[in-house]
Amino acid sequence: MTLRGRGLASTVVGVGRDPRTLDEARGRGVIDRATTDMAEGVAEADVVVVCTPVSRIAVDVRRAAEAAPKTALITDAGSTKRRIVEEVEQSPRAADQFVAAHPLAGSERSGSAFARADLFRDRVCVLTPSARTPASRLRAARAFWSALGCRILEMSPAQHDEVVAYTSHLPHATAASLASAVPADWLPLAAGAFRDGSRVAGADTELWTAVFRENRGPLMTAIGSFQDRLATLKYALMNDDEDAIRRWWADARARRAQFEALQPPES
């Protein structure tokens, strides 16, 4: 929708497995053409964006590279990067065309019914080039994601996976833990804090199962840090230590304020 709305593409081709889902996207004006045949879909592409689950992205990038013009940029939207980059680079042709990307946008909802043309505006997109990434492809990826409205950051695939284990994957894990910790018959007493804290637990199960498995090492480290913070509170409660509880909350409040200060102004 952003490509169409900003006049950045003459034709947007949707490639997927389910003809009904593709028909919905076309009916909503998200795409111009649809196909379940990847080779057909990317045959004349200038840019290919792979948005499949992280467990499949590397395979799909390599398949796209075999069928797309050699001049095409191939990028992705996966929330893990290290293994994807390593597997893509086993194919010299794919390595020459691929720039790994992670746009930090979206919500717990999926499908064209929840698509928005302003989804990427002022959002960070992390590019994770490797030593094998051609400079010309990296420039093209910067230009593409910037044209969608993103602010670009760059880091290594391994550093990306370590960071997002804390900033994205851990929040999803804690949201799911919160959602399942509250007994169902107590939900009538749940209000805003439960709603906000558990919101992303409504995301797709298969997607997040794949993400957790892909990034399990960094995520386990992040979970350990989170458990330490909870243990600090638990110990303070056991000892009825008012000052410790106050410090614990004040530290969290200050970190939240830092996050808020980094957010772009509302338009």
C-alpha atoms as a PDB file:
ATOM      1  CA  MET A   1       0.000   0.000   0.000  1.00  0.00           C
ATOM      2  CA  THR A   2       2.905   2.356   0.707  1.00  0.00           C
ATOM      3  CA  LEU A   3       4.513   1.543  -2.637  1.00  0.00           C
ATOM      4  CA  ARG A   4       1.254   2.277  -4.418  1.00  0.00           C
ATOM      5  CA  GLY A   5       0.388   5.338  -2.350  1.00  0.00           C
ATOM      6  CA  ARG A   6       3.777   6.967  -2.868  1.00  0.00           C
ATOM      7  CA  GLY A   7       3.998   6.057  -6.529  1.00  0.00           C
ATOM      8  CA  LEU A   8       7.139   4.003  -5.934  1.00  0.00           C
ATOM      9  CA  ALA A   9       6.131   1.044  -8.116  1.00  0.00           C
ATOM     10  CA  SER A  10       4.235   0.732 -11.370  1.00  0.00           C
ATOM     11  CA  THR A  11       3.067  -2.776 -10.436  1.00  0.00           C
ATOM     12  CA  VAL A  12       2.970  -4.585  -7.095  1.00  0.00           C
ATOM     13  CA  VAL A  13       2.839  -8.376  -7.461  1.00  0.00           C
ATOM     14  CA  GLY A  14       1.743 -10.487  -4.495  1.00  0.00           C
ATOM     15  CA  VAL A  15       3.187 -13.990  -4.266  1.00  0.00           C
ATOM     16  CA  GLY A  16       1.632 -16.401  -1.771  1.00  0.00           C
ATOM     17  CA  ARG A  17       0.363 -19.914  -1.166  1.00  0.00           C
ATOM     18  CA  ASP A  18      -3.362 -19.238  -0.660  1.00  0.00           C
ATOM     19  CA  PRO A  19      -5.317 -17.881  -3.665  1.00  0.00           C
ATOM     20  CA  ARG A  20      -8.080 -16.646  -1.352  1.00  0.00           C
ATOM     21  CA  THR A  21      -5.658 -14.538   0.685  1.00  0.00           C
ATOM     22  CA  LEU A  22      -4.200 -13.132  -2.524  1.00  0.00           C
ATOM     23  CA  ASP A  23      -7.671 -12.336  -3.849  1.00  0.00           C
ATOM     24  CA  GLU A  24      -8.448 -10.460  -0.631  1.00  0.00           C
ATOM     25  CA  ALA A  25      -5.268  -8.395  -0.966  1.00  0.00           C
ATOM     26  CA  ARG A  26      -6.068  -7.580  -4.567  1.00  0.00           C
ATOM     27  CA  GLY A  27      -9.651  -6.694  -3.683  1.00  0.00           C
ATOM     28  CA  ARG A  28      -8.428  -4.290  -1.011  1.00  0.00           C
ATOM     29  CA  GLY A  29      -6.099  -2.583  -3.464  1.00  0.00           C
ATOM     30  CA  VAL A  30      -2.947  -3.787  -1.705  1.00  0.00           C
ATOM     31  CA  ILE A  31      -1.540  -5.497  -4.811  1.00  0.00           C
ATOM     32  CA  ASP A  32      -2.073  -5.202  -8.569  1.00  0.00           C
ATOM     33  CA  ARG A  33      -1.470  -8.830  -9.531  1.00  0.00           C
ATOM     34  CA  ALA A  34      -1.315 -12.114  -7.654  1.00  0.00           C
ATOM     35  CA  THR A  35       0.232 -15.508  -8.211  1.00  0.00           C
ATOM     36  CA  THR A  36       1.076 -18.676  -6.310  1.00  0.00           C
ATOM     37  CA  ASP A  37       4.065 -19.259  -8.618  1.00  0.00           C
ATOM     38  CA  MET A  38       7.133 -17.497  -7.239  1.00  0.00           C
ATOM     39  CA  ALA A  39       9.104 -17.763 -10.490  1.00  0.00           C
ATOM     40  CA  GLU A  40       6.277 -16.040 -12.331  1.00  0.00           C
ATOM     41  CA  GLY A  41       5.843 -13.429  -9.627  1.00  0.00           C
ATOM     42  CA  VAL A  42       9.462 -12.270  -9.500  1.00  0.00           C
ATOM     43  CA  ALA A  43      10.366 -12.759 -13.163  1.00  0.00           C
ATOM     44  CA  GLU A  44      10.373  -9.013 -13.910  1.00  0.00           C
ATOM     45  CA  ALA A  45      10.930  -7.643 -10.418  1.00  0.00           C
ATOM     46  CA  ASP A  46      13.086  -4.658  -9.561  1.00  0.00           C
ATOM     47  CA  VAL A  47      12.710  -5.404  -5.831  1.00  0.00           C
ATOM     48  CA  VAL A  48      11.632  -8.615  -4.097  1.00  0.00           C
ATOM     49  CA  VAL A  49      10.567  -8.419  -0.431  1.00  0.00           C
ATOM     50  CA  VAL A  50      10.369 -11.798   1.303  1.00  0.00           C
ATOM     51  CA  CYS A  51       7.876 -11.728   4.206  1.00  0.00           C
ATOM     52  CA  THR A  52       7.531 -15.430   4.975  1.00  0.00           C
ATOM     53  CA  PRO A  53       8.171 -16.938   8.465  1.00  0.00           C
ATOM     54  CA  VAL A  54      11.812 -16.691   9.544  1.00  0.00           C
ATOM     55  CA  SER A  55      12.271 -20.460   9.270  1.00  0.00           C
ATOM     56  CA  ARG A  56      11.564 -20.204   5.501  1.00  0.00           C
ATOM     57  CA  ILE A  57      13.071 -16.862   4.527  1.00  0.00           C
ATOM     58  CA  ALA A  58      16.512 -18.139   3.506  1.00  0.00           C
ATOM     59  CA  VAL A  59      15.033 -20.819   1.236  1.00  0.00           C
ATOM     60  CA  ASP A  60      12.604 -18.340  -0.303  1.00  0.00           C
ATOM     61  CA  VAL A  61      15.341 -15.756  -0.897  1.00  0.00           C
ATOM     62  CA  ARG A  62      17.427 -18.355  -2.723  1.00  0.00           C
ATOM     63  CA  ARG A  63      14.428 -19.441  -4.798  1.00  0.00           C
ATOM     64  CA  ALA A  64      13.670 -15.838  -5.668  1.00  0.00           C
ATOM     65  CA  ALA A  65      17.278 -15.224  -6.690  1.00  0.00           C
ATOM     66  CA  GLU A  66      17.099 -18.116  -9.143  1.00  0.00           C
ATOM     67  CA  ALA A  67      14.047 -16.634 -10.891  1.00  0.00           C
ATOM     68  CA  ALA A  68      14.405 -12.863 -10.559  1.00  0.00           C
ATOM     69  CA  PRO A  69      16.534 -10.681 -12.860  1.00  0.00           C
ATOM     70  CA  LYS A  70      20.150 -10.460 -11.724  1.00  0.00           C
ATOM     71  CA  THR A  71      19.670  -6.720 -11.310  1.00  0.00           C
ATOM     72  CA  ALA A  72      16.873  -7.149  -8.762  1.00  0.00           C
ATOM     73  CA  LEU A  73      17.347  -6.237  -5.106  1.00  0.00           C
ATOM     74  CA  ILE A  74      16.109  -8.964  -2.738  1.00  0.00           C
ATOM     75  CA  THR A  75      15.401  -8.000   0.856  1.00  0.00           C
ATOM     76  CA  ASP A  76      13.263  -9.364   3.678  1.00  0.00           C
ATOM     77  CA  ALA A  77      11.258  -8.413   6.766  1.00  0.00           C
ATOM     78  CA  GLY A  78      12.314 -11.163   9.178  1.00  0.00           C
ATOM     79  CA  SER A  79      12.894 -10.456  12.870  1.00  0.00           C
ATOM     80  CA  THR A  80      15.978 -12.706  13.065  1.00  0.00           C
ATOM     81  CA  LYS A  81      19.005 -12.319  10.848  1.00  0.00           C
ATOM     82  CA  ARG A  82      22.135 -14.390  11.620  1.00  0.00           C
ATOM     83  CA  ARG A  83      21.070 -17.803  10.309  1.00  0.00           C
ATOM     84  CA  ILE A  84      19.141 -16.285   7.407  1.00  0.00           C
ATOM     85  CA  VAL A  85      22.214 -14.397   6.184  1.00  0.00           C
ATOM     86  CA  GLU A  86      24.474 -17.439   6.634  1.00  0.00           C
ATOM     87  CA  GLU A  87      22.152 -19.715   4.656  1.00  0.00           C
ATOM     88  CA  VAL A  88      21.457 -17.200   1.890  1.00  0.00           C
ATOM     89  CA  GLU A  89      25.186 -16.709   1.375  1.00  0.00           C
ATOM     90  CA  GLN A  90      25.622 -20.391   0.557  1.00  0.00           C
ATOM     91  CA  SER A  91      24.271 -19.359  -2.854  1.00  0.00           C
ATOM     92  CA  PRO A  92      26.639 -16.917  -4.619  1.00  0.00           C
ATOM     93  CA  ARG A  93      23.833 -15.497  -6.768  1.00  0.00           C
ATOM     94  CA  ALA A  94      21.544 -14.943  -3.790  1.00  0.00           C
ATOM     95  CA  ALA A  95      24.397 -13.403  -1.794  1.00  0.00           C
ATOM     96  CA  ASP A  96      24.995 -10.902  -4.602  1.00  0.00           C
ATOM     97  CA  GLN A  97      21.363  -9.742  -4.551  1.00  0.00           C
ATOM     98  CA  PHE A  98      20.294  -9.959  -0.908  1.00  0.00           C
ATOM     99  CA  VAL A  99      20.346  -7.313   1.809  1.00  0.00           C
ATOM    100  CA  ALA A 100      18.830  -8.534   5.077  1.00  0.00           C
ATOM    101  CA  ALA A 101      16.358  -6.139   6.694  1.00  0.00           C
ATOM    102  CA  HIS A 102      14.096  -5.931   9.714  1.00  0.00           C
ATOM    103  CA  PRO A 103      11.498  -3.137   9.652  1.00  0.00           C
ATOM    104  CA  LEU A 104      10.364  -2.561  13.241  1.00  0.00           C
ATOM    105  CA  ALA A 105       6.727  -2.013  12.404  1.00  0.00           C
ATOM    106  CA  GLY A 106       3.431  -3.856  12.473  1.00  0.00           C
ATOM    107  CA  SER A 107       1.242  -5.232  15.218  1.00  0.00           C
ATOM    108  CA  GLU A 108      -0.085  -8.506  16.566  1.00  0.00           C
ATOM    109  CA  ARG A 109      -2.620  -8.593  13.722  1.00  0.00           C
ATOM    110  CA  SER A 110      -1.862 -10.065  10.312  1.00  0.00           C
ATOM    111  CA  GLY A 111      -3.345 -10.075   6.844  1.00  0.00           C
ATOM    112  CA  SER A 112      -4.268  -7.445   4.283  1.00  0.00           C
ATOM    113  CA  ALA A 113      -7.333  -6.418   6.312  1.00  0.00           C
ATOM    114  CA  PHE A 114      -4.982  -4.744   8.798  1.00  0.00           C
ATOM    115  CA  ALA A 115      -2.581  -3.222   6.250  1.00  0.00           C
ATOM    116  CA  ARG A 116      -1.871   0.522   6.502  1.00  0.00           C
ATOM    117  CA  ALA A 117      -0.171   2.806   4.018  1.00  0.00           C
ATOM    118  CA  ASP A 118       1.582   4.680   6.843  1.00  0.00           C
ATOM    119  CA  LEU A 119       2.912   1.554   8.557  1.00  0.00           C
ATOM    120  CA  PHE A 120       6.598   2.365   7.999  1.00  0.00           C
ATOM    121  CA  ARG A 121       6.517   6.120   8.508  1.00  0.00           C
ATOM    122  CA  ASP A 122       9.229   7.142  11.008  1.00  0.00           C
ATOM    123  CA  ARG A 123       9.824   3.504  11.958  1.00  0.00           C
ATOM    124  CA  VAL A 124      13.312   2.061  12.250  1.00  0.00           C
ATOM    125  CA  CYS A 125      14.421  -0.473   9.654  1.00  0.00           C
ATOM    126  CA  VAL A 126      17.578  -2.368  10.593  1.00  0.00           C
ATOM    127  CA  LEU A 127      19.809  -3.466   7.720  1.00  0.00           C
ATOM    128  CA  THR A 128      22.309  -6.221   8.519  1.00  0.00           C
ATOM    129  CA  PRO A 129      24.832  -6.420   5.680  1.00  0.00           C
ATOM    130  CA  SER A 130      27.698  -8.872   5.861  1.00  0.00           C
ATOM    131  CA  ALA A 131      31.200  -8.667   4.440  1.00  0.00           C
ATOM    132  CA  ARG A 132      29.818 -10.253   1.246  1.00  0.00           C
ATOM    133  CA  THR A 133      27.055  -7.702   0.703  1.00  0.00           C
ATOM    134  CA  PRO A 134      27.792  -5.642  -2.439  1.00  0.00           C
ATOM    135  CA  ALA A 135      27.974  -1.914  -1.717  1.00  0.00           C
ATOM    136  CA  SER A 136      25.616  -1.167  -4.603  1.00  0.00           C
ATOM    137  CA  ARG A 137      22.956  -3.498  -3.169  1.00  0.00           C
ATOM    138  CA  LEU A 138      23.292  -1.935   0.264  1.00  0.00           C
ATOM    139  CA  ARG A 139      22.772   1.521  -1.241  1.00  0.00           C
ATOM    140  CA  ALA A 140      19.696   0.220  -3.063  1.00  0.00           C
ATOM    141  CA  ALA A 141      18.294  -1.273   0.157  1.00  0.00           C
ATOM    142  CA  ARG A 142      18.836   1.982   2.025  1.00  0.00           C
ATOM    143  CA  ALA A 143      17.018   3.869  -0.721  1.00  0.00           C
ATOM    144  CA  PHE A 144      14.139   1.370  -0.862  1.00  0.00           C
ATOM    145  CA  TRP A 145      13.366   1.264   2.862  1.00  0.00           C
ATOM    146  CA  SER A 146      13.932   5.006   3.224  1.00  0.00           C
ATOM    147  CA  ALA A 147      11.427   5.633   0.428  1.00  0.00           C
ATOM    148  CA  LEU A 148       8.826   3.744   2.470  1.00  0.00           C
ATOM    149  CA  GLY A 149       9.385   6.225   5.315  1.00  0.00           C
ATOM    150  CA  CYS A 150      11.821   4.235   7.471  1.00  0.00           C
ATOM    151  CA  ARG A 151      14.751   5.506   9.494  1.00  0.00           C
ATOM    152  CA  ILE A 152      17.740   3.269   8.702  1.00  0.00           C
ATOM    153  CA  LEU A 153      20.090   1.647  11.219  1.00  0.00           C
ATOM    154  CA  GLU A 154      22.835  -0.812  10.318  1.00  0.00           C
ATOM    155  CA  MET A 155      24.515  -3.522  12.377  1.00  0.00           C
ATOM    156  CA  SER A 156      25.823  -7.055  12.016  1.00  0.00           C
ATOM    157  CA  PRO A 157      23.362  -9.962  11.871  1.00  0.00           C
ATOM    158  CA  ALA A 158      24.617 -11.356  15.200  1.00  0.00           C
ATOM    159  CA  GLN A 159      24.383  -7.983  16.960  1.00  0.00           C
ATOM    160  CA  HIS A 160      20.861  -7.518  15.614  1.00  0.00           C
ATOM    161  CA  ASP A 161      19.727 -10.858  17.001  1.00  0.00           C
ATOM    162  CA  GLU A 162      21.220 -10.093  20.415  1.00  0.00           C
ATOM    163  CA  VAL A 163      19.522  -6.678  20.614  1.00  0.00           C
ATOM    164  CA  VAL A 164      16.059  -7.725  19.417  1.00  0.00           C
ATOM    165  CA  ALA A 165      16.077 -10.656  21.829  1.00  0.00           C
ATOM    166  CA  TYR A 166      15.706  -7.976  24.522  1.00  0.00           C
ATOM    167  CA  THR A 167      13.708  -5.293  22.704  1.00  0.00           C
ATOM    168  CA  SER A 168      11.225  -7.462  20.776  1.00  0.00           C
ATOM    169  CA  HIS A 169      11.364 -11.175  21.487  1.00  0.00           C
ATOM    170  CA  LEU A 170      11.459 -10.856  25.285  1.00  0.00           C
ATOM    171  CA  PRO A 171       8.438  -8.490  25.343  1.00  0.00           C
ATOM    172  CA  HIS A 172       6.499 -10.997  23.262  1.00  0.00           C
ATOM    173  CA  ALA A 173       7.519 -13.801  25.628  1.00  0.00           C
ATOM    174  CA  THR A 174       6.528 -11.812  28.714  1.00  0.00           C
ATOM    175  CA  ALA A 175       3.216 -10.762  27.132  1.00  0.00           C
ATOM    176  CA  ALA A 176       2.400 -14.403  26.467  1.00  0.00           C
ATOM    177  CA  SER A 177       3.450 -15.354  30.004  1.00  0.00           C
ATOM    178  CA  LEU A 178       1.219 -12.651  31.473  1.00  0.00           C
ATOM    179  CA  ALA A 179      -1.730 -13.671  29.306  1.00  0.00           C
ATOM    180  CA  SER A 180      -1.526 -17.313  30.390  1.00  0.00           C
ATOM    181  CA  ALA A 181      -0.750 -16.566  34.075  1.00  0.00           C
ATOM    182  CA  VAL A 182      -4.150 -15.002  34.790  1.00  0.00           C
ATOM    183  CA  PRO A 183      -6.932 -17.562  35.435  1.00  0.00           C
ATOM    184  CA  ALA A 184      -9.706 -17.356  32.851  1.00  0.00           C
ATOM    185  CA  ASP A 185     -12.435 -16.770  35.431  1.00  0.00           C
ATOM    186  CA  TRP A 186     -10.550 -13.700  36.748  1.00  0.00           C
ATOM    187  CA  LEU A 187     -10.480 -11.974  33.359  1.00  0.00           C
ATOM    188  CA  PRO A 188     -13.604  -9.861  34.105  1.00  0.00           C
ATOM    189  CA  LEU A 189     -11.391  -7.975  36.585  1.00  0.00           C
ATOM    190  CA  ALA A 190      -8.602  -7.435  34.026  1.00  0.00           C
ATOM    191  CA  ALA A 191      -8.413  -3.918  32.617  1.00  0.00           C
ATOM    192  CA  GLY A 192      -5.957  -1.588  30.879  1.00  0.00           C
ATOM    193  CA  ALA A 193      -2.723  -2.891  32.378  1.00  0.00           C
ATOM    194  CA  PHE A 194      -3.559  -6.469  31.403  1.00  0.00           C
ATOM    195  CA  ARG A 195      -4.774  -5.385  27.961  1.00  0.00           C
ATOM    196  CA  ASP A 196      -1.617  -3.372  27.200  1.00  0.00           C
ATOM    197  CA  GLY A 197       0.788  -5.829  28.776  1.00  0.00           C
ATOM    198  CA  SER A 198      -0.626  -8.864  26.961  1.00  0.00           C
ATOM    199  CA  ARG A 199      -1.504  -7.232  23.598  1.00  0.00           C
ATOM    200  CA  VAL A 200       1.150  -8.904  21.462  1.00  0.00           C
ATOM    201  CA  ALA A 201       0.212 -12.324  22.855  1.00  0.00           C
ATOM    202  CA  GLY A 202      -2.514 -12.151  20.195  1.00  0.00           C
ATOM    203  CA  ALA A 203       0.094 -12.543  17.434  1.00  0.00           C
ATOM    204  CA  ASP A 204       0.348 -15.599  15.193  1.00  0.00           C
ATOM    205  CA  THR A 205       1.444 -18.756  17.035  1.00  0.00           C
ATOM    206  CA  GLU A 206       3.474 -20.296  14.204  1.00  0.00           C
ATOM    207  CA  LEU A 207       5.291 -17.048  13.477  1.00  0.00           C
ATOM    208  CA  TRP A 208       6.483 -16.634  17.059  1.00  0.00           C
ATOM    209  CA  THR A 209       7.300 -20.304  17.534  1.00  0.00           C
ATOM    210  CA  ALA A 210       9.687 -19.954  14.584  1.00  0.00           C
ATOM    211  CA  VAL A 211      11.171 -16.689  15.901  1.00  0.00           C
ATOM    212  CA  PHE A 212      11.802 -18.124  19.376  1.00  0.00           C
ATOM    213  CA  ARG A 213      13.493 -21.212  17.919  1.00  0.00           C
ATOM    214  CA  GLU A 214      15.619 -19.169  15.522  1.00  0.00           C
ATOM    215  CA  ASN A 215      16.900 -16.856  18.263  1.00  0.00           C
ATOM    216  CA  ARG A 216      16.798 -19.188  21.235  1.00  0.00           C
ATOM    217  CA  GLY A 217      20.349 -18.480  22.520  1.00  0.00           C
ATOM    218  CA  PRO A 218      20.032 -14.681  22.808  1.00  0.00           C
ATOM    219  CA  LEU A 219      16.430 -15.037  23.978  1.00  0.00           C
ATOM    220  CA  MET A 220      17.411 -17.362  26.828  1.00  0.00           C
ATOM    221  CA  THR A 221      19.968 -14.770  27.949  1.00  0.00           C
ATOM    222  CA  ALA A 222      17.304 -12.048  27.819  1.00  0.00           C
ATOM    223  CA  ILE A 223      14.875 -14.199  29.799  1.00  0.00           C
ATOM    224  CA  GLY A 224      17.597 -14.683  32.420  1.00  0.00           C
ATOM    225  CA  SER A 225      17.993 -10.910  32.771  1.00  0.00           C
ATOM    226  CA  PHE A 226      14.230 -10.524  33.110  1.00  0.00           C
ATOM    227  CA  GLN A 227      14.075 -13.240  35.752  1.00  0.00           C
ATOM    228  CA  ASP A 228      16.802 -11.404  37.695  1.00  0.00           C
ATOM    229  CA  ARG A 229      14.702  -8.212  37.699  1.00  0.00           C
ATOM    230  CA  LEU A 230      11.639 -10.110  38.932  1.00  0.00           C
ATOM    231  CA  ALA A 231      13.748 -11.851  41.572  1.00  0.00           C
ATOM    232  CA  THR A 232      14.903  -8.461  42.853  1.00  0.00           C
ATOM    233  CA  LEU A 233      11.279  -7.446  43.372  1.00  0.00           C
ATOM    234  CA  LYS A 234      10.389 -10.794  44.924  1.00  0.00           C
ATOM    235  CA  TYR A 235      13.267 -10.509  47.407  1.00  0.00           C
ATOM    236  CA  ALA A 236      12.248  -6.942  48.296  1.00  0.00           C
ATOM    237  CA  LEU A 237       8.660  -8.116  48.887  1.00  0.00           C
ATOM    238  CA  MET A 238       9.822 -11.029  51.049  1.00  0.00           C
ATOM    239  CA  ASN A 239      11.675  -8.546  53.248  1.00  0.00           C
ATOM    240  CA  ASP A 240       8.997  -5.841  53.061  1.00  0.00           C
ATOM    241  CA  ASP A 241      11.786  -3.502  51.909  1.00  0.00           C
ATOM    242  CA  GLU A 242       9.974  -0.314  50.945  1.00  0.00           C
ATOM    243  CA  ASP A 243      13.101   1.474  49.701  1.00  0.00           C
ATOM    244  CA  ALA A 244      14.110  -1.465  47.508  1.00  0.00           C
ATOM    245  CA  ILE A 245      10.642  -1.640  45.970  1.00  0.00           C
ATOM    246  CA  ARG A 246      10.720   2.112  45.339  1.00  0.00           C
ATOM    247  CA  ARG A 247      14.159   1.903  43.679  1.00  0.00           C
ATOM    248  CA  TRP A 248      13.032  -1.066  41.583  1.00  0.00           C
ATOM    249  CA  TRP A 249      10.029   0.829  40.243  1.00  0.00           C
ATOM    250  CA  ALA A 250      11.911   4.131  39.830  1.00  0.00           C
ATOM    251  CA  ASP A 251      14.581   2.433  37.709  1.00  0.00           C
ATOM    252  CA  ALA A 252      11.898   0.976  35.443  1.00  0.00           C
ATOM    253  CA  ARG A 253      10.036   4.292  35.241  1.00  0.00           C
ATOM    254  CA  ALA A 254      13.229   6.098  34.218  1.00  0.00           C
ATOM    255  CA  ARG A 255      13.976   3.544  31.489  1.00  0.00           C
ATOM    256  CA  ARG A 256      10.427   3.886  30.170  1.00  0.00           C
ATOM    257  CA  ALA A 257      10.886   7.677  30.053  1.00  0.00           C
ATOM    258  CA  GLN A 258      14.076   7.205  28.025  1.00  0.00           C
ATOM    259  CA  PHE A 259      12.139   5.073  25.554  1.00  0.00           C
ATOM    260  CA  GLU A 260       9.354   7.642  25.255  1.00  0.00           C
ATOM    261  CA  ALA A 261      11.882  10.411  24.593  1.00  0.00           C
ATOM    262  CA  LEU A 262      13.259   8.451  21.622  1.00  0.00           C
ATOM    263  CA  GLN A 263       9.876   8.112  19.899  1.00  0.00           C
ATOM    264  CA  PRO A 264       9.110  10.342  16.899  1.00  0.00           C
ATOM    265  CA  PRO A 265       6.449  13.006  17.495  1.00  0.00           C
ATOM    266  CA  GLU A 266       2.859  12.144  16.647  1.00  0.00           C
ATOM    267  CA  SER A 267       1.856  13.523  13.240  1.00  0.00           C
END
